[in-house]
């Protein structure tokens, strides 16, 4: 990674990179297993893997609840995270 400072200022993940880099270079273990949480935080900031998985799990539960309630005849809305309602 470069300096982390670009045209618009500091990158949003740069603090996580600094934490990981500091842990990596100060680690005495050869495998650097103690830096795994810092690395995971940095990668989550970059790619949002855990956040996307969490949103997909919530949407799956919402769709299942909608289908179950529709079959029972009760009214249930699916709430979109984008702010618009989906009824199908």
Protein backbone atom coordinates (compact mmCIF):
# COMPACT_ATOMS: atom_id res chain seq x y z
CA UNK A 1 0.00 0.00 0.00
CA UNK A 2 1.15 3.50 -0.72
CA UNK A 3 1.18 6.29 1.82
CA UNK A 4 -2.62 6.21 2.22
CA UNK A 5 -2.90 9.88 1.44
CA UNK A 6 -4.42 10.73 -1.90
CA UNK A 7 -5.94 13.65 -3.71
CA UNK A 8 -8.95 13.73 -1.38
CA UNK A 9 -7.05 13.17 1.83
CA UNK A 10 -6.47 10.07 3.90
CA UNK A 11 -7.98 6.79 2.73
CA UNK A 12 -10.80 5.48 4.97
CA UNK A 13 -8.91 2.23 5.63
CA UNK A 14 -5.51 3.77 6.24
CA UNK A 15 -5.81 3.70 10.07
CA UNK A 16 -6.51 -0.05 9.89
CA UNK A 17 -3.50 -0.48 7.61
CA UNK A 18 -1.29 1.41 10.05
CA UNK A 19 -2.46 -0.81 12.93
CA UNK A 20 -1.77 -3.95 10.90
CA UNK A 21 1.61 -2.69 9.73
CA UNK A 22 2.66 -1.75 13.27
CA UNK A 23 1.61 -5.17 14.56
CA UNK A 24 3.36 -6.95 11.69
CA UNK A 25 6.70 -5.24 12.17
CA UNK A 26 6.65 -5.43 15.96
CA UNK A 27 5.62 -9.10 16.06
CA UNK A 28 8.19 -11.57 17.33
CA UNK A 29 6.39 -14.63 15.97
CA UNK A 30 7.48 -15.88 12.58
CA UNK A 31 3.90 -16.70 11.47
CA UNK A 32 2.60 -13.39 12.92
CA UNK A 33 -0.58 -15.08 14.14
CA UNK A 34 -1.05 -12.31 16.68
CA UNK A 35 -1.70 -9.88 13.79
CA UNK A 36 -4.63 -11.83 12.33
CA UNK A 37 -7.31 -9.62 14.00
CA UNK A 38 -5.62 -6.45 12.69
CA UNK A 39 -5.38 -7.96 9.21
CA UNK A 40 -9.03 -9.03 9.32
CA UNK A 41 -10.09 -5.51 10.34
CA UNK A 42 -8.13 -4.02 7.44
CA UNK A 43 -9.57 -6.48 4.91
CA UNK A 44 -13.09 -5.91 6.25
CA UNK A 45 -12.63 -2.18 5.78
CA UNK A 46 -11.52 -2.73 2.18
CA UNK A 47 -14.00 -5.37 1.05
CA UNK A 48 -16.88 -5.45 3.60
CA UNK A 49 -17.13 -9.26 3.48
CA UNK A 50 -18.70 -9.59 6.95
CA UNK A 51 -21.06 -6.68 6.41
CA UNK A 52 -22.29 -8.09 3.10
CA UNK A 53 -22.79 -11.53 4.64
CA UNK A 54 -24.74 -10.01 7.53
CA UNK A 55 -26.99 -8.01 5.17
CA UNK A 56 -27.64 -11.09 3.03
CA UNK A 57 -28.57 -13.12 6.12
CA UNK A 58 -31.00 -10.41 7.25
CA UNK A 59 -32.55 -10.23 3.78
CA UNK A 60 -32.97 -14.01 3.69
CA UNK A 61 -34.79 -13.98 7.03
CA UNK A 62 -36.96 -11.09 5.85
CA UNK A 63 -37.89 -12.93 2.64
CA UNK A 64 -38.68 -16.11 4.58
CA UNK A 65 -40.85 -14.18 7.05
CA UNK A 66 -42.61 -12.43 4.16
CA UNK A 67 -43.35 -15.73 2.41
CA UNK A 68 -44.53 -17.35 5.65
CA UNK A 69 -46.78 -14.42 6.57
CA UNK A 70 -48.14 -14.15 3.04
CA UNK A 71 -49.08 -17.83 3.17
CA UNK A 72 -50.82 -17.24 6.52
CA UNK A 73 -52.69 -14.23 5.17
CA UNK A 74 -51.07 -11.65 7.45
CA UNK A 75 -49.63 -8.38 6.21
CA UNK A 76 -45.84 -8.07 6.22
CA UNK A 77 -43.58 -5.62 4.37
CA UNK A 78 -40.03 -6.20 3.27
CA UNK A 79 -37.96 -3.21 4.32
CA UNK A 80 -35.23 -2.34 1.86
CA UNK A 81 -31.93 -1.05 3.19
CA UNK A 82 -31.92 1.45 0.31
CA UNK A 83 -35.02 3.13 1.76
CA UNK A 84 -37.69 1.95 -0.72
CA UNK A 85 -40.24 -0.77 0.09
CA UNK A 86 -40.34 -4.00 -1.90
CA UNK A 87 -43.62 -5.87 -1.93
CA UNK A 88 -42.79 -8.68 -4.31
